[in-house]
C-alpha atoms as a PDB file:
ATOM      1  CA  MET A   1       0.083   0.047  -0.153  1.00  0.00           C
ATOM      2  CA  SER A   2       1.434   3.336  -0.798  1.00  0.00           C
ATOM      3  CA  ILE A   3       1.350   6.284   1.623  1.00  0.00           C
ATOM      4  CA  GLU A   4       0.540   9.689   0.332  1.00  0.00           C
ATOM      5  CA  ILE A   5       1.751  12.811   2.555  1.00  0.00           C
ATOM      6  CA  LYS A   6       0.424  16.236   1.496  1.00  0.00           C
ATOM      7  CA  GLN A   7       1.696  19.561   3.335  1.00  0.00           C
ATOM      8  CA  ASN A   8      -0.356  22.466   2.429  1.00  0.00           C
ATOM      9  CA  GLN A   9       0.819  24.711   5.705  1.00  0.00           C
ATOM     10  CA  PRO A  10       3.961  24.598   7.716  1.00  0.00           C
ATOM     11  CA  ASP A  11       2.296  23.189  10.974  1.00  0.00           C
ATOM     12  CA  GLU A  12      -0.211  20.815   9.179  1.00  0.00           C
ATOM     13  CA  LEU A  13       0.149  17.881   6.963  1.00  0.00           C
ATOM     14  CA  TYR A  14      -1.783  14.733   5.711  1.00  0.00           C
ATOM     15  CA  VAL A  15      -0.834  11.044   5.948  1.00  0.00           C
ATOM     16  CA  ASN A  16      -3.146   9.112   3.824  1.00  0.00           C
ATOM     17  CA  GLN A  17      -5.832  11.881   4.547  1.00  0.00           C
ATOM     18  CA  LYS A  18      -5.172  11.518   8.356  1.00  0.00           C
ATOM     19  CA  ARG A  19      -4.462  15.125   9.701  1.00  0.00           C
ATOM     20  CA  LEU A  20      -1.518  15.939  11.754  1.00  0.00           C
ATOM     21  CA  TYR A  21      -0.684  19.250  13.443  1.00  0.00           C
ATOM     22  CA  ARG A  22       2.206  20.899  15.354  1.00  0.00           C
ATOM     23  CA  ASP A  23       1.145  22.145  18.704  1.00  0.00           C
ATOM     24  CA  LEU A  24       2.532  25.351  20.262  1.00  0.00           C
ATOM     25  CA  ASP A  25       5.397  23.333  21.762  1.00  0.00           C
ATOM     26  CA  GLY A  26       6.540  21.974  18.435  1.00  0.00           C
ATOM     27  CA  ARG A  27       5.379  18.481  18.522  1.00  0.00           C
ATOM     28  CA  TRP A  28       3.355  16.812  15.818  1.00  0.00           C
ATOM     29  CA  ILE A  29      -0.138  15.545  17.096  1.00  0.00           C
ATOM     30  CA  ALA A  30      -2.179  13.139  15.009  1.00  0.00           C
ATOM     31  CA  GLN A  31      -6.066  13.247  15.210  1.00  0.00           C
ATOM     32  CA  GLU A  32      -6.376   9.682  14.049  1.00  0.00           C
ATOM     33  CA  GLU A  33      -3.886   6.694  14.989  1.00  0.00           C
ATOM     34  CA  LEU A  34      -1.338   6.048  12.081  1.00  0.00           C
ATOM     35  CA  THR A  35      -0.279   2.489  11.027  1.00  0.00           C
ATOM     36  CA  PRO A  36       3.275   1.642  11.765  1.00  0.00           C
ATOM     37  CA  ALA A  37       4.140   2.117   7.940  1.00  0.00           C
ATOM     38  CA  GLU A  38       2.245   5.641   7.935  1.00  0.00           C
ATOM     39  CA  ALA A  39       4.310   6.538  11.015  1.00  0.00           C
ATOM     40  CA  GLN A  40       7.687   5.703   9.480  1.00  0.00           C
ATOM     41  CA  ALA A  41       6.689   7.648   6.392  1.00  0.00           C
ATOM     42  CA  PHE A  42       5.993  10.593   8.521  1.00  0.00           C
ATOM     43  CA  ARG A  43       9.246  10.507  10.406  1.00  0.00           C
ATOM     44  CA  THR A  44      11.064  10.227   7.189  1.00  0.00           C
ATOM     45  CA  HIS A  45       9.191  13.186   5.723  1.00  0.00           C
ATOM     46  CA  ILE A  46       9.781  15.136   8.644  1.00  0.00           C
ATOM     47  CA  GLY A  47      13.411  14.144   8.863  1.00  0.00           C
ATOM     48  CA  LYS A  48      14.066  15.326   5.361  1.00  0.00           C
ATOM     49  CA  LEU A  49      12.237  18.928   5.925  1.00  0.00           C
ATOM     50  CA  THR A  50      14.424  19.194   8.935  1.00  0.00           C
ATOM     51  CA  ALA A  51      17.431  18.395   7.081  1.00  0.00           C
ATOM     52  CA  LYS A  52      16.514  21.012   4.270  1.00  0.00           C
ATOM     53  CA  ILE A  53      15.747  23.609   7.043  1.00  0.00           C
ATOM     54  CA  ASN A  54      19.173  22.806   8.799  1.00  0.00           C
ATOM     55  CA  VAL A  55      21.130  23.452   5.432  1.00  0.00           C
ATOM     56  CA  LYS A  56      19.420  26.543   4.665  1.00  0.00           C
ATOM     57  CA  SER A  57      19.845  27.767   8.115  1.00  0.00           C
ATOM     58  CA  GLN A  58      23.577  26.875   8.074  1.00  0.00           C
ATOM     59  CA  ARG A  59      23.900  28.662   4.331  1.00  0.00           C
ATOM     60  CA  GLU A  60      22.226  31.867   5.745  1.00  0.00           C
ATOM     61  CA  TYR A  61      24.417  31.959   8.800  1.00  0.00           C
ATOM     62  CA  TRP A  62      27.645  31.675   6.793  1.00  0.00           C
ATOM     63  CA  ARG A  63      26.320  34.247   4.419  1.00  0.00           C
ATOM     64  CA  GLN A  64      25.663  36.737   7.044  1.00  0.00           C
ATOM     65  CA  GLN A  65      29.149  35.968   8.517  1.00  0.00           C
ATOM     66  CA  SER A  66      30.817  36.642   5.299  1.00  0.00           C
ATOM     67  CA  HIS A  67      29.383  40.196   5.319  1.00  0.00           C
ATOM     68  CA  HIS A  68      30.888  40.818   8.778  1.00  0.00           C
ATOM     69  CA  ILE A  69      34.479  39.853   8.083  1.00  0.00           C
ATOM     70  CA  GLU A  70      36.917  42.695   8.829  1.00  0.00           C
ATOM     71  CA  PRO A  71      40.199  43.437   7.050  1.00  0.00           C
END
């Protein structure tokens, strides 16, 4: 069975039409129980998003640092 993940907003996504949202503490909450396969697909998806954000943050940090270098 294939697993479909859709994310239309940064703090809300759907795994096989099951809604998950991020609470004020940054935790993801599922409104319906996910199957083990759905939970694994969700963790993989979030892991990839986190890695992309970390890379962008690091690039932005070093870009900003390069503007502060004094001769």
